[in-house]
């Protein structure tokens, strides 16, 4: 079992910044990547950013240049620094951990943290 707990969401004005954190605990082994996804009301969950076990990162086009994902392998944490926030960034942000288990990938999810961008 893997537990993922997100924190750091909140209300921020357009142009502001937030830093999301995700703490992973439990059966953490064979990690392939950690990522942030988001889901806005009425929309599908979408990938925001990914960091692999080798440190390689990938971002959605909508957040490139504004968001930065980072990972602390010692603390089993993943972070998302969000700058220049826009109203369209409003969503429930989920932490994801992908592991290689029994010859296939296994995904674990947190409960989500709400980000609201509004003046």
PDB file of N, CA and C in Angstrom:
ATOM      1  N   UNK A   1       0.833  -1.194   0.000  1.00  0.00           N
ATOM      2  CA  UNK A   1       0.000   0.000   0.000  1.00  0.00           C
ATOM      3  C   UNK A   1       0.875   1.254   0.000  1.00  0.00           C
ATOM      4  N   UNK A   2       0.442   2.225  -0.776  1.00  0.00           N
ATOM      5  CA  UNK A   2       1.127   3.513  -0.858  1.00  0.00           C
ATOM      6  C   UNK A   2       0.147   4.599  -0.445  1.00  0.00           C
ATOM      7  N   UNK A   3       0.617   5.517   0.369  1.00  0.00           N
ATOM      8  CA  UNK A   3      -0.191   6.664   0.746  1.00  0.00           C
ATOM      9  C   UNK A   3       0.466   7.928   0.189  1.00  0.00           C
ATOM     10  N   UNK A   4      -0.345   8.758  -0.420  1.00  0.00           N
ATOM     11  CA  UNK A   4       0.106  10.031  -0.959  1.00  0.00           C
ATOM     12  C   UNK A   4      -0.748  11.132  -0.344  1.00  0.00           C
ATOM     13  N   UNK A   5      -0.104  12.120   0.248  1.00  0.00           N
ATOM     14  CA  UNK A   5      -0.820  13.214   0.895  1.00  0.00           C
ATOM     15  C   UNK A   5      -0.345  14.532   0.312  1.00  0.00           C
ATOM     16  N   UNK A   6      -1.271  15.236  -0.329  1.00  0.00           N
ATOM     17  CA  UNK A   6      -0.944  16.532  -0.924  1.00  0.00           C
ATOM     18  C   UNK A   6      -1.237  17.661   0.066  1.00  0.00           C
ATOM     19  N   UNK A   7      -0.530  18.756  -0.116  1.00  0.00           N
ATOM     20  CA  UNK A   7      -0.777  19.963   0.664  1.00  0.00           C
ATOM     21  C   UNK A   7      -0.315  21.162  -0.141  1.00  0.00           C
ATOM     22  N   UNK A   8      -0.721  22.345   0.325  1.00  0.00           N
ATOM     23  CA  UNK A   8      -0.230  23.569  -0.289  1.00  0.00           C
ATOM     24  C   UNK A   8      -1.217  24.287  -1.180  1.00  0.00           C
ATOM     25  N   UNK A   9      -2.366  23.696  -1.420  1.00  0.00           N
ATOM     26  CA  UNK A   9      -3.355  24.374  -2.245  1.00  0.00           C
ATOM     27  C   UNK A   9      -3.974  25.554  -1.510  1.00  0.00           C
ATOM     28  N   UNK A  10      -4.754  26.332  -2.247  1.00  0.00           N
ATOM     29  CA  UNK A  10      -5.407  27.475  -1.630  1.00  0.00           C
ATOM     30  C   UNK A  10      -5.917  28.445  -2.661  1.00  0.00           C
ATOM     31  N   UNK A  11      -6.261  29.631  -2.193  1.00  0.00           N
ATOM     32  CA  UNK A  11      -6.757  30.696  -3.048  1.00  0.00           C
ATOM     33  C   UNK A  11      -5.644  31.703  -3.295  1.00  0.00           C
ATOM     34  N   UNK A  12      -5.438  32.045  -4.550  1.00  0.00           N
ATOM     35  CA  UNK A  12      -4.384  32.989  -4.905  1.00  0.00           C
ATOM     36  C   UNK A  12      -4.903  33.878  -6.030  1.00  0.00           C
ATOM     37  N   UNK A  13      -4.398  35.096  -6.079  1.00  0.00           N
ATOM     38  CA  UNK A  13      -4.798  36.019  -7.141  1.00  0.00           C
ATOM     39  C   UNK A  13      -4.062  35.698  -8.433  1.00  0.00           C
ATOM     40  N   UNK A  14      -4.639  36.057  -9.559  1.00  0.00           N
ATOM     41  CA  UNK A  14      -3.919  35.875 -10.832  1.00  0.00           C
ATOM     42  C   UNK A  14      -2.548  36.513 -10.778  1.00  0.00           C
ATOM     43  N   UNK A  15      -1.564  35.791 -11.293  1.00  0.00           N
ATOM     44  CA  UNK A  15      -0.188  36.251 -11.244  1.00  0.00           C
ATOM     45  C   UNK A  15       0.566  35.802 -10.010  1.00  0.00           C
ATOM     46  N   UNK A  16      -0.151  35.221  -9.061  1.00  0.00           N
ATOM     47  CA  UNK A  16       0.475  34.776  -7.827  1.00  0.00           C
ATOM     48  C   UNK A  16       1.129  33.415  -7.947  1.00  0.00           C
ATOM     49  N   UNK A  17       1.631  32.937  -6.814  1.00  0.00           N
ATOM     50  CA  UNK A  17       2.361  31.672  -6.777  1.00  0.00           C
ATOM     51  C   UNK A  17       1.847  30.789  -5.652  1.00  0.00           C
ATOM     52  N   UNK A  18       1.993  29.500  -5.876  1.00  0.00           N
ATOM     53  CA  UNK A  18       1.721  28.490  -4.850  1.00  0.00           C
ATOM     54  C   UNK A  18       2.732  27.367  -5.010  1.00  0.00           C
ATOM     55  N   UNK A  19       3.006  26.692  -3.923  1.00  0.00           N
ATOM     56  CA  UNK A  19       3.865  25.512  -3.968  1.00  0.00           C
ATOM     57  C   UNK A  19       3.102  24.337  -3.382  1.00  0.00           C
ATOM     58  N   UNK A  20       2.882  23.341  -4.206  1.00  0.00           N
ATOM     59  CA  UNK A  20       2.225  22.116  -3.753  1.00  0.00           C
ATOM     60  C   UNK A  20       3.274  21.104  -3.312  1.00  0.00           C
ATOM     61  N   UNK A  21       2.915  20.338  -2.293  1.00  0.00           N
ATOM     62  CA  UNK A  21       3.792  19.284  -1.804  1.00  0.00           C
ATOM     63  C   UNK A  21       3.021  17.972  -1.752  1.00  0.00           C
ATOM     64  N   UNK A  22       3.734  16.885  -1.948  1.00  0.00           N
ATOM     65  CA  UNK A  22       3.134  15.554  -1.853  1.00  0.00           C
ATOM     66  C   UNK A  22       4.106  14.656  -1.106  1.00  0.00           C
ATOM     67  N   UNK A  23       3.613  14.070  -0.026  1.00  0.00           N
ATOM     68  CA  UNK A  23       4.419  13.154   0.775  1.00  0.00           C
ATOM     69  C   UNK A  23       3.987  11.729   0.488  1.00  0.00           C
ATOM     70  N   UNK A  24       4.945  10.892   0.138  1.00  0.00           N
ATOM     71  CA  UNK A  24       4.670   9.494  -0.164  1.00  0.00           C
ATOM     72  C   UNK A  24       5.159   8.620   0.982  1.00  0.00           C
ATOM     73  N   UNK A  25       4.359   7.624   1.334  1.00  0.00           N
ATOM     74  CA  UNK A  25       4.755   6.688   2.384  1.00  0.00           C
ATOM     75  C   UNK A  25       4.164   5.317   2.070  1.00  0.00           C
ATOM     76  N   UNK A  26       4.659   4.320   2.798  1.00  0.00           N
ATOM     77  CA  UNK A  26       4.157   2.965   2.587  1.00  0.00           C
ATOM     78  C   UNK A  26       5.124   2.127   1.764  1.00  0.00           C
ATOM     79  N   UNK A  27       4.571   1.309   0.897  1.00  0.00           N
ATOM     80  CA  UNK A  27       5.371   0.376   0.092  1.00  0.00           C
ATOM     81  C   UNK A  27       5.965   1.089  -1.118  1.00  0.00           C
ATOM     82  N   UNK A  28       6.926   1.933  -0.826  1.00  0.00           N
ATOM     83  CA  UNK A  28       7.534   2.735  -1.890  1.00  0.00           C
ATOM     84  C   UNK A  28       8.766   2.009  -2.404  1.00  0.00           C
ATOM     85  N   UNK A  29       8.631   1.393  -3.546  1.00  0.00           N
ATOM     86  CA  UNK A  29       9.750   0.725  -4.173  1.00  0.00           C
ATOM     87  C   UNK A  29       9.497   0.691  -5.677  1.00  0.00           C
ATOM     88  N   UNK A  30      10.577   0.488  -6.404  1.00  0.00           N
ATOM     89  CA  UNK A  30      10.480   0.434  -7.868  1.00  0.00           C
ATOM     90  C   UNK A  30       9.702   1.616  -8.432  1.00  0.00           C
ATOM     91  N   UNK A  31       9.987   2.795  -7.902  1.00  0.00           N
ATOM     92  CA  UNK A  31       9.303   3.980  -8.412  1.00  0.00           C
ATOM     93  C   UNK A  31       9.813   4.298  -9.801  1.00  0.00           C
ATOM     94  N   UNK A  32       8.891   4.485 -10.729  1.00  0.00           N
ATOM     95  CA  UNK A  32       9.266   4.911 -12.073  1.00  0.00           C
ATOM     96  C   UNK A  32       9.169   6.426 -12.194  1.00  0.00           C
ATOM     97  N   UNK A  33       8.105   7.004 -11.692  1.00  0.00           N
ATOM     98  CA  UNK A  33       7.935   8.445 -11.795  1.00  0.00           C
ATOM     99  C   UNK A  33       6.961   8.934 -10.734  1.00  0.00           C
ATOM    100  N   UNK A  34       7.020  10.239 -10.498  1.00  0.00           N
ATOM    101  CA  UNK A  34       6.012  10.925  -9.710  1.00  0.00           C
ATOM    102  C   UNK A  34       5.520  12.089 -10.545  1.00  0.00           C
ATOM    103  N   UNK A  35       4.258  12.432 -10.346  1.00  0.00           N
ATOM    104  CA  UNK A  35       3.669  13.418 -11.231  1.00  0.00           C
ATOM    105  C   UNK A  35       2.557  14.187 -10.521  1.00  0.00           C
ATOM    106  N   UNK A  36       2.199  15.291 -11.145  1.00  0.00           N
ATOM    107  CA  UNK A  36       1.020  16.049 -10.747  1.00  0.00           C
ATOM    108  C   UNK A  36       0.029  16.049 -11.905  1.00  0.00           C
ATOM    109  N   UNK A  37      -1.217  15.775 -11.557  1.00  0.00           N
ATOM    110  CA  UNK A  37      -2.326  15.881 -12.482  1.00  0.00           C
ATOM    111  C   UNK A  37      -3.295  16.912 -11.923  1.00  0.00           C
ATOM    112  N   UNK A  38      -4.204  17.364 -12.745  1.00  0.00           N
ATOM    113  CA  UNK A  38      -5.248  18.258 -12.261  1.00  0.00           C
ATOM    114  C   UNK A  38      -6.561  17.966 -12.973  1.00  0.00           C
ATOM    115  N   UNK A  39      -7.629  18.307 -12.297  1.00  0.00           N
ATOM    116  CA  UNK A  39      -8.947  18.128 -12.869  1.00  0.00           C
ATOM    117  C   UNK A  39      -9.828  19.313 -12.511  1.00  0.00           C
ATOM    118  N   UNK A  40     -10.258  20.016 -13.538  1.00  0.00           N
ATOM    119  CA  UNK A  40     -11.167  21.138 -13.359  1.00  0.00           C
ATOM    120  C   UNK A  40     -12.606  20.627 -13.458  1.00  0.00           C
ATOM    121  N   UNK A  41     -13.552  21.357 -12.882  1.00  0.00           N
ATOM    122  CA  UNK A  41     -14.954  20.923 -12.940  1.00  0.00           C
ATOM    123  C   UNK A  41     -15.426  20.704 -14.378  1.00  0.00           C
ATOM    124  N   UNK A  42     -16.022  19.548 -14.634  1.00  0.00           N
ATOM    125  CA  UNK A  42     -16.543  19.251 -15.955  1.00  0.00           C
ATOM    126  C   UNK A  42     -15.509  18.836 -16.974  1.00  0.00           C
ATOM    127  N   UNK A  43     -14.263  18.701 -16.546  1.00  0.00           N
ATOM    128  CA  UNK A  43     -13.200  18.320 -17.476  1.00  0.00           C
ATOM    129  C   UNK A  43     -12.525  17.035 -17.021  1.00  0.00           C
ATOM    130  N   UNK A  44     -11.798  16.433 -17.950  1.00  0.00           N
ATOM    131  CA  UNK A  44     -11.065  15.218 -17.622  1.00  0.00           C
ATOM    132  C   UNK A  44      -9.788  15.550 -16.863  1.00  0.00           C
ATOM    133  N   UNK A  45      -9.328  14.588 -16.090  1.00  0.00           N
ATOM    134  CA  UNK A  45      -8.053  14.754 -15.407  1.00  0.00           C
ATOM    135  C   UNK A  45      -6.941  14.834 -16.452  1.00  0.00           C
ATOM    136  N   UNK A  46      -6.017  15.775 -16.260  1.00  0.00           N
ATOM    137  CA  UNK A  46      -4.936  15.950 -17.220  1.00  0.00           C
ATOM    138  C   UNK A  46      -3.587  16.000 -16.516  1.00  0.00           C
ATOM    139  N   UNK A  47      -2.577  15.564 -17.243  1.00  0.00           N
ATOM    140  CA  UNK A  47      -1.227  15.588 -16.724  1.00  0.00           C
ATOM    141  C   UNK A  47      -0.696  17.016 -16.705  1.00  0.00           C
ATOM    142  N   UNK A  48      -0.099  17.394 -15.583  1.00  0.00           N
ATOM    143  CA  UNK A  48       0.509  18.714 -15.459  1.00  0.00           C
ATOM    144  C   UNK A  48       2.024  18.621 -15.634  1.00  0.00           C
ATOM    145  N   UNK A  49       2.644  17.730 -14.847  1.00  0.00           N
ATOM    146  CA  UNK A  49       4.097  17.598 -14.891  1.00  0.00           C
ATOM    147  C   UNK A  49       4.512  16.254 -14.327  1.00  0.00           C
ATOM    148  N   UNK A  50       5.630  15.757 -14.833  1.00  0.00           N
ATOM    149  CA  UNK A  50       6.156  14.459 -14.411  1.00  0.00           C
ATOM    150  C   UNK A  50       7.654  14.579 -14.150  1.00  0.00           C
ATOM    151  N   UNK A  51       8.129  13.845 -13.142  1.00  0.00           N
ATOM    152  CA  UNK A  51       9.565  13.697 -12.923  1.00  0.00           C
ATOM    153  C   UNK A  51       9.851  12.206 -12.749  1.00  0.00           C
ATOM    154  N   UNK A  52      10.761  11.686 -13.555  1.00  0.00           N
ATOM    155  CA  UNK A  52      11.064  10.258 -13.496  1.00  0.00           C
ATOM    156  C   UNK A  52      12.113   9.967 -12.435  1.00  0.00           C
ATOM    157  N   UNK A  53      12.403   8.682 -12.265  1.00  0.00           N
ATOM    158  CA  UNK A  53      13.390   8.296 -11.259  1.00  0.00           C
ATOM    159  C   UNK A  53      14.802   8.707 -11.664  1.00  0.00           C
ATOM    160  N   UNK A  54      14.983   9.097 -12.915  1.00  0.00           N
ATOM    161  CA  UNK A  54      16.289   9.582 -13.349  1.00  0.00           C
ATOM    162  C   UNK A  54      16.361  11.108 -13.324  1.00  0.00           C
ATOM    163  N   UNK A  55      15.276  11.751 -12.918  1.00  0.00           N
ATOM    164  CA  UNK A  55      15.262  13.203 -12.842  1.00  0.00           C
ATOM    165  C   UNK A  55      14.757  13.906 -14.078  1.00  0.00           C
ATOM    166  N   UNK A  56      14.370  13.151 -15.062  1.00  0.00           N
ATOM    167  CA  UNK A  56      13.838  13.745 -16.280  1.00  0.00           C
ATOM    168  C   UNK A  56      12.446  14.318 -16.011  1.00  0.00           C
ATOM    169  N   UNK A  57      12.192  15.512 -16.539  1.00  0.00           N
ATOM    170  CA  UNK A  57      10.905  16.172 -16.309  1.00  0.00           C
ATOM    171  C   UNK A  57      10.163  16.401 -17.622  1.00  0.00           C
ATOM    172  N   UNK A  58       8.853  16.492 -17.484  1.00  0.00           N
ATOM    173  CA  UNK A  58       8.013  16.745 -18.647  1.00  0.00           C
ATOM    174  C   UNK A  58       6.835  17.592 -18.178  1.00  0.00           C
ATOM    175  N   UNK A  59       6.427  18.539 -19.010  1.00  0.00           N
ATOM    176  CA  UNK A  59       5.358  19.460 -18.631  1.00  0.00           C
ATOM    177  C   UNK A  59       4.290  19.540 -19.711  1.00  0.00           C
ATOM    178  N   UNK A  60       3.071  19.788 -19.273  1.00  0.00           N
ATOM    179  CA  UNK A  60       2.015  20.108 -20.220  1.00  0.00           C
ATOM    180  C   UNK A  60       2.317  21.463 -20.843  1.00  0.00           C
ATOM    181  N   UNK A  61       1.942  21.633 -22.091  1.00  0.00           N
ATOM    182  CA  UNK A  61       2.220  22.894 -22.785  1.00  0.00           C
ATOM    183  C   UNK A  61       1.630  24.081 -22.029  1.00  0.00           C
ATOM    184  N   UNK A  62       0.485  23.883 -21.400  1.00  0.00           N
ATOM    185  CA  UNK A  62      -0.213  24.991 -20.737  1.00  0.00           C
ATOM    186  C   UNK A  62       0.546  25.544 -19.535  1.00  0.00           C
ATOM    187  N   UNK A  63       1.488  24.776 -18.998  1.00  0.00           N
ATOM    188  CA  UNK A  63       2.185  25.215 -17.779  1.00  0.00           C
ATOM    189  C   UNK A  63       3.686  25.404 -17.994  1.00  0.00           C
ATOM    190  N   UNK A  64       4.185  25.103 -19.176  1.00  0.00           N
ATOM    191  CA  UNK A  64       5.624  25.244 -19.439  1.00  0.00           C
ATOM    192  C   UNK A  64       6.069  26.672 -19.197  1.00  0.00           C
ATOM    193  N   UNK A  65       7.184  26.798 -18.493  1.00  0.00           N
ATOM    194  CA  UNK A  65       7.720  28.113 -18.193  1.00  0.00           C
ATOM    195  C   UNK A  65       7.138  28.761 -16.951  1.00  0.00           C
ATOM    196  N   UNK A  66       6.057  28.178 -16.427  1.00  0.00           N
ATOM    197  CA  UNK A  66       5.420  28.748 -15.231  1.00  0.00           C
ATOM    198  C   UNK A  66       5.498  27.791 -14.035  1.00  0.00           C
ATOM    199  N   UNK A  67       5.431  26.507 -14.300  1.00  0.00           N
ATOM    200  CA  UNK A  67       5.437  25.507 -13.232  1.00  0.00           C
ATOM    201  C   UNK A  67       6.760  24.743 -13.254  1.00  0.00           C
ATOM    202  N   UNK A  68       7.189  24.332 -12.065  1.00  0.00           N
ATOM    203  CA  UNK A  68       8.394  23.523 -11.944  1.00  0.00           C
ATOM    204  C   UNK A  68       8.131  22.364 -10.992  1.00  0.00           C
ATOM    205  N   UNK A  69       8.404  21.163 -11.472  1.00  0.00           N
ATOM    206  CA  UNK A  69       8.268  19.977 -10.627  1.00  0.00           C
ATOM    207  C   UNK A  69       9.642  19.588 -10.105  1.00  0.00           C
ATOM    208  N   UNK A  70       9.686  19.160  -8.855  1.00  0.00           N
ATOM    209  CA  UNK A  70      10.943  18.707  -8.275  1.00  0.00           C
ATOM    210  C   UNK A  70      10.653  17.573  -7.308  1.00  0.00           C
ATOM    211  N   UNK A  71      11.711  16.870  -6.968  1.00  0.00           N
ATOM    212  CA  UNK A  71      11.530  15.655  -6.171  1.00  0.00           C
ATOM    213  C   UNK A  71      12.656  15.529  -5.171  1.00  0.00           C
ATOM    214  N   UNK A  72      12.339  15.100  -3.970  1.00  0.00           N
ATOM    215  CA  UNK A  72      13.315  14.809  -2.926  1.00  0.00           C
ATOM    216  C   UNK A  72      13.241  13.312  -2.659  1.00  0.00           C
ATOM    217  N   UNK A  73      14.213  12.579  -3.188  1.00  0.00           N
ATOM    218  CA  UNK A  73      14.179  11.123  -3.075  1.00  0.00           C
ATOM    219  C   UNK A  73      14.427  10.646  -1.648  1.00  0.00           C
ATOM    220  N   UNK A  74      15.109  11.434  -0.869  1.00  0.00           N
ATOM    221  CA  UNK A  74      15.392  11.045   0.518  1.00  0.00           C
ATOM    222  C   UNK A  74      14.120  11.148   1.363  1.00  0.00           C
ATOM    223  N   UNK A  75      13.400  12.215   1.166  1.00  0.00           N
ATOM    224  CA  UNK A  75      12.181  12.439   1.935  1.00  0.00           C
ATOM    225  C   UNK A  75      10.941  11.842   1.278  1.00  0.00           C
ATOM    226  N   UNK A  76      11.099  11.299   0.080  1.00  0.00           N
ATOM    227  CA  UNK A  76       9.958  10.766  -0.676  1.00  0.00           C
ATOM    228  C   UNK A  76       8.883  11.826  -0.866  1.00  0.00           C
ATOM    229  N   UNK A  77       9.324  12.969  -1.336  1.00  0.00           N
ATOM    230  CA  UNK A  77       8.433  14.098  -1.559  1.00  0.00           C
ATOM    231  C   UNK A  77       8.528  14.519  -3.026  1.00  0.00           C
ATOM    232  N   UNK A  78       7.420  15.062  -3.520  1.00  0.00           N
ATOM    233  CA  UNK A  78       7.432  15.704  -4.824  1.00  0.00           C
ATOM    234  C   UNK A  78       6.735  17.051  -4.664  1.00  0.00           C
ATOM    235  N   UNK A  79       7.249  18.047  -5.371  1.00  0.00           N
ATOM    236  CA  UNK A  79       6.752  19.405  -5.241  1.00  0.00           C
ATOM    237  C   UNK A  79       6.338  19.951  -6.605  1.00  0.00           C
ATOM    238  N   UNK A  80       5.446  20.918  -6.569  1.00  0.00           N
ATOM    239  CA  UNK A  80       5.083  21.637  -7.783  1.00  0.00           C
ATOM    240  C   UNK A  80       5.067  23.128  -7.453  1.00  0.00           C
ATOM    241  N   UNK A  81       6.061  23.823  -7.949  1.00  0.00           N
ATOM    242  CA  UNK A  81       6.108  25.275  -7.801  1.00  0.00           C
ATOM    243  C   UNK A  81       5.331  25.886  -8.945  1.00  0.00           C
ATOM    244  N   UNK A  82       4.299  26.638  -8.606  1.00  0.00           N
ATOM    245  CA  UNK A  82       3.426  27.227  -9.620  1.00  0.00           C
ATOM    246  C   UNK A  82       3.532  28.742  -9.548  1.00  0.00           C
ATOM    247  N   UNK A  83       4.018  29.341 -10.612  1.00  0.00           N
ATOM    248  CA  UNK A  83       4.165  30.796 -10.698  1.00  0.00           C
ATOM    249  C   UNK A  83       3.261  31.347 -11.801  1.00  0.00           C
ATOM    250  N   UNK A  84       3.038  32.633 -11.753  1.00  0.00           N
ATOM    251  CA  UNK A  84       2.220  33.309 -12.775  1.00  0.00           C
ATOM    252  C   UNK A  84       0.899  32.573 -12.989  1.00  0.00           C
ATOM    253  N   UNK A  85       0.242  32.293 -11.900  1.00  0.00           N
ATOM    254  CA  UNK A  85      -0.985  31.514 -11.978  1.00  0.00           C
ATOM    255  C   UNK A  85      -2.082  32.270 -12.714  1.00  0.00           C
ATOM    256  N   UNK A  86      -2.880  31.508 -13.442  1.00  0.00           N
ATOM    257  CA  UNK A  86      -3.977  32.049 -14.234  1.00  0.00           C
ATOM    258  C   UNK A  86      -5.302  31.452 -13.747  1.00  0.00           C
ATOM    259  N   UNK A  87      -6.396  32.138 -14.000  1.00  0.00           N
ATOM    260  CA  UNK A  87      -7.703  31.584 -13.592  1.00  0.00           C
ATOM    261  C   UNK A  87      -7.938  30.183 -14.145  1.00  0.00           C
ATOM    262  N   UNK A  88      -7.417  29.902 -15.320  1.00  0.00           N
ATOM    263  CA  UNK A  88      -7.612  28.575 -15.914  1.00  0.00           C
ATOM    264  C   UNK A  88      -6.788  27.481 -15.244  1.00  0.00           C
ATOM    265  N   UNK A  89      -5.923  27.858 -14.309  1.00  0.00           N
ATOM    266  CA  UNK A  89      -5.183  26.860 -13.536  1.00  0.00           C
ATOM    267  C   UNK A  89      -6.011  26.329 -12.366  1.00  0.00           C
ATOM    268  N   UNK A  90      -7.158  26.925 -12.148  1.00  0.00           N
ATOM    269  CA  UNK A  90      -8.021  26.472 -11.053  1.00  0.00           C
ATOM    270  C   UNK A  90      -8.428  25.027 -11.286  1.00  0.00           C
ATOM    271  N   UNK A  91      -8.164  24.178 -10.303  1.00  0.00           N
ATOM    272  CA  UNK A  91      -8.481  22.756 -10.425  1.00  0.00           C
ATOM    273  C   UNK A  91      -8.146  22.051  -9.119  1.00  0.00           C
ATOM    274  N   UNK A  92      -8.552  20.799  -9.063  1.00  0.00           N
ATOM    275  CA  UNK A  92      -8.119  19.918  -7.981  1.00  0.00           C
ATOM    276  C   UNK A  92      -6.847  19.235  -8.469  1.00  0.00           C
ATOM    277  N   UNK A  93      -5.767  19.406  -7.746  1.00  0.00           N
ATOM    278  CA  UNK A  93      -4.471  18.884  -8.141  1.00  0.00           C
ATOM    279  C   UNK A  93      -4.173  17.588  -7.394  1.00  0.00           C
ATOM    280  N   UNK A  94      -3.817  16.571  -8.162  1.00  0.00           N
ATOM    281  CA  UNK A  94      -3.570  15.245  -7.605  1.00  0.00           C
ATOM    282  C   UNK A  94      -2.108  14.850  -7.772  1.00  0.00           C
ATOM    283  N   UNK A  95      -1.582  14.226  -6.752  1.00  0.00           N
ATOM    284  CA  UNK A  95      -0.255  13.631  -6.817  1.00  0.00           C
ATOM    285  C   UNK A  95      -0.385  12.197  -7.324  1.00  0.00           C
ATOM    286  N   UNK A  96       0.543  11.797  -8.171  1.00  0.00           N
ATOM    287  CA  UNK A  96       0.553  10.451  -8.734  1.00  0.00           C
ATOM    288  C   UNK A  96       1.922   9.819  -8.567  1.00  0.00           C
ATOM    289  N   UNK A  97       1.913   8.549  -8.225  1.00  0.00           N
ATOM    290  CA  UNK A  97       3.160   7.783  -8.139  1.00  0.00           C
ATOM    291  C   UNK A  97       2.998   6.538  -9.008  1.00  0.00           C
ATOM    292  N   UNK A  98       3.929   6.349  -9.920  1.00  0.00           N
ATOM    293  CA  UNK A  98       3.896   5.197 -10.812  1.00  0.00           C
ATOM    294  C   UNK A  98       5.044   4.254 -10.448  1.00  0.00           C
ATOM    295  N   UNK A  99       4.695   3.014 -10.189  1.00  0.00           N
ATOM    296  CA  UNK A  99       5.702   2.012  -9.825  1.00  0.00           C
ATOM    297  C   UNK A  99       5.670   0.848 -10.809  1.00  0.00           C
ATOM    298  N   UNK A 100       6.802   0.151 -10.852  1.00  0.00           N
ATOM    299  CA  UNK A 100       6.897  -1.064 -11.667  1.00  0.00           C
ATOM    300  C   UNK A 100       6.678  -2.239 -10.724  1.00  0.00           C
ATOM    301  N   UNK A 101       5.521  -2.880 -10.858  1.00  0.00           N
ATOM    302  CA  UNK A 101       5.129  -3.948  -9.947  1.00  0.00           C
ATOM    303  C   UNK A 101       4.631  -5.145 -10.751  1.00  0.00           C
ATOM    304  N   UNK A 102       5.259  -6.278 -10.497  1.00  0.00           N
ATOM    305  CA  UNK A 102       4.828  -7.536 -11.135  1.00  0.00           C
ATOM    306  C   UNK A 102       4.699  -7.383 -12.640  1.00  0.00           C
ATOM    307  N   UNK A 103       5.753  -6.840 -13.236  1.00  0.00           N
ATOM    308  CA  UNK A 103       5.859  -6.730 -14.692  1.00  0.00           C
ATOM    309  C   UNK A 103       4.844  -5.786 -15.308  1.00  0.00           C
ATOM    310  N   UNK A 104       4.320  -4.862 -14.525  1.00  0.00           N
ATOM    311  CA  UNK A 104       3.437  -3.849 -15.083  1.00  0.00           C
ATOM    312  C   UNK A 104       3.499  -2.604 -14.218  1.00  0.00           C
ATOM    313  N   UNK A 105       2.959  -1.516 -14.766  1.00  0.00           N
ATOM    314  CA  UNK A 105       2.960  -0.274 -14.001  1.00  0.00           C
ATOM    315  C   UNK A 105       1.750  -0.224 -13.079  1.00  0.00           C
ATOM    316  N   UNK A 106       1.977   0.303 -11.903  1.00  0.00           N
ATOM    317  CA  UNK A 106       0.915   0.501 -10.922  1.00  0.00           C
ATOM    318  C   UNK A 106       0.851   1.972 -10.561  1.00  0.00           C
ATOM    319  N   UNK A 107      -0.336   2.535 -10.551  1.00  0.00           N
ATOM    320  CA  UNK A 107      -0.512   3.942 -10.231  1.00  0.00           C
ATOM    321  C   UNK A 107      -1.200   4.116  -8.889  1.00  0.00           C
ATOM    322  N   UNK A 108      -0.656   5.028  -8.091  1.00  0.00           N
ATOM    323  CA  UNK A 108      -1.275   5.417  -6.834  1.00  0.00           C
ATOM    324  C   UNK A 108      -1.585   6.906  -6.875  1.00  0.00           C
ATOM    325  N   UNK A 109      -2.684   7.280  -6.198  1.00  0.00           N
ATOM    326  CA  UNK A 109      -3.153   8.661  -6.234  1.00  0.00           C
ATOM    327  C   UNK A 109      -3.403   9.203  -4.838  1.00  0.00           C
ATOM    328  N   UNK A 110      -3.175  10.500  -4.697  1.00  0.00           N
ATOM    329  CA  UNK A 110      -3.565  11.186  -3.482  1.00  0.00           C
ATOM    330  C   UNK A 110      -5.009  11.632  -3.569  1.00  0.00           C
ATOM    331  N   UNK A 111      -5.473  12.299  -2.515  1.00  0.00           N
ATOM    332  CA  UNK A 111      -6.861  12.757  -2.442  1.00  0.00           C
ATOM    333  C   UNK A 111      -7.071  14.081  -3.169  1.00  0.00           C
ATOM    334  N   UNK A 112      -6.000  14.782  -3.420  1.00  0.00           N
ATOM    335  CA  UNK A 112      -6.097  16.038  -4.143  1.00  0.00           C
ATOM    336  C   UNK A 112      -6.053  17.250  -3.222  1.00  0.00           C
ATOM    337  N   UNK A 113      -5.581  18.354  -3.780  1.00  0.00           N
ATOM    338  CA  UNK A 113      -5.571  19.631  -3.075  1.00  0.00           C
ATOM    339  C   UNK A 113      -6.103  20.690  -4.037  1.00  0.00           C
ATOM    340  N   UNK A 114      -6.994  21.520  -3.537  1.00  0.00           N
ATOM    341  CA  UNK A 114      -7.692  22.480  -4.394  1.00  0.00           C
ATOM    342  C   UNK A 114      -6.852  23.741  -4.607  1.00  0.00           C
ATOM    343  N   UNK A 115      -6.759  24.146  -5.849  1.00  0.00           N
ATOM    344  CA  UNK A 115      -6.114  25.407  -6.216  1.00  0.00           C
ATOM    345  C   UNK A 115      -7.156  26.288  -6.884  1.00  0.00           C
ATOM    346  N   UNK A 116      -7.333  27.490  -6.350  1.00  0.00           N
ATOM    347  CA  UNK A 116      -8.278  28.447  -6.912  1.00  0.00           C
ATOM    348  C   UNK A 116      -7.542  29.737  -7.216  1.00  0.00           C
ATOM    349  N   UNK A 117      -7.686  30.204  -8.430  1.00  0.00           N
ATOM    350  CA  UNK A 117      -7.030  31.433  -8.871  1.00  0.00           C
ATOM    351  C   UNK A 117      -8.125  32.431  -9.220  1.00  0.00           C
ATOM    352  N   UNK A 118      -8.226  33.458  -8.400  1.00  0.00           N
ATOM    353  CA  UNK A 118      -9.308  34.411  -8.576  1.00  0.00           C
ATOM    354  C   UNK A 118      -8.960  35.727  -7.909  1.00  0.00           C
ATOM    355  N   UNK A 119      -9.446  36.807  -8.503  1.00  0.00           N
ATOM    356  CA  UNK A 119      -9.246  38.105  -7.891  1.00  0.00           C
ATOM    357  C   UNK A 119     -10.443  38.471  -7.015  1.00  0.00           C
TER     358      UNK A 119
END
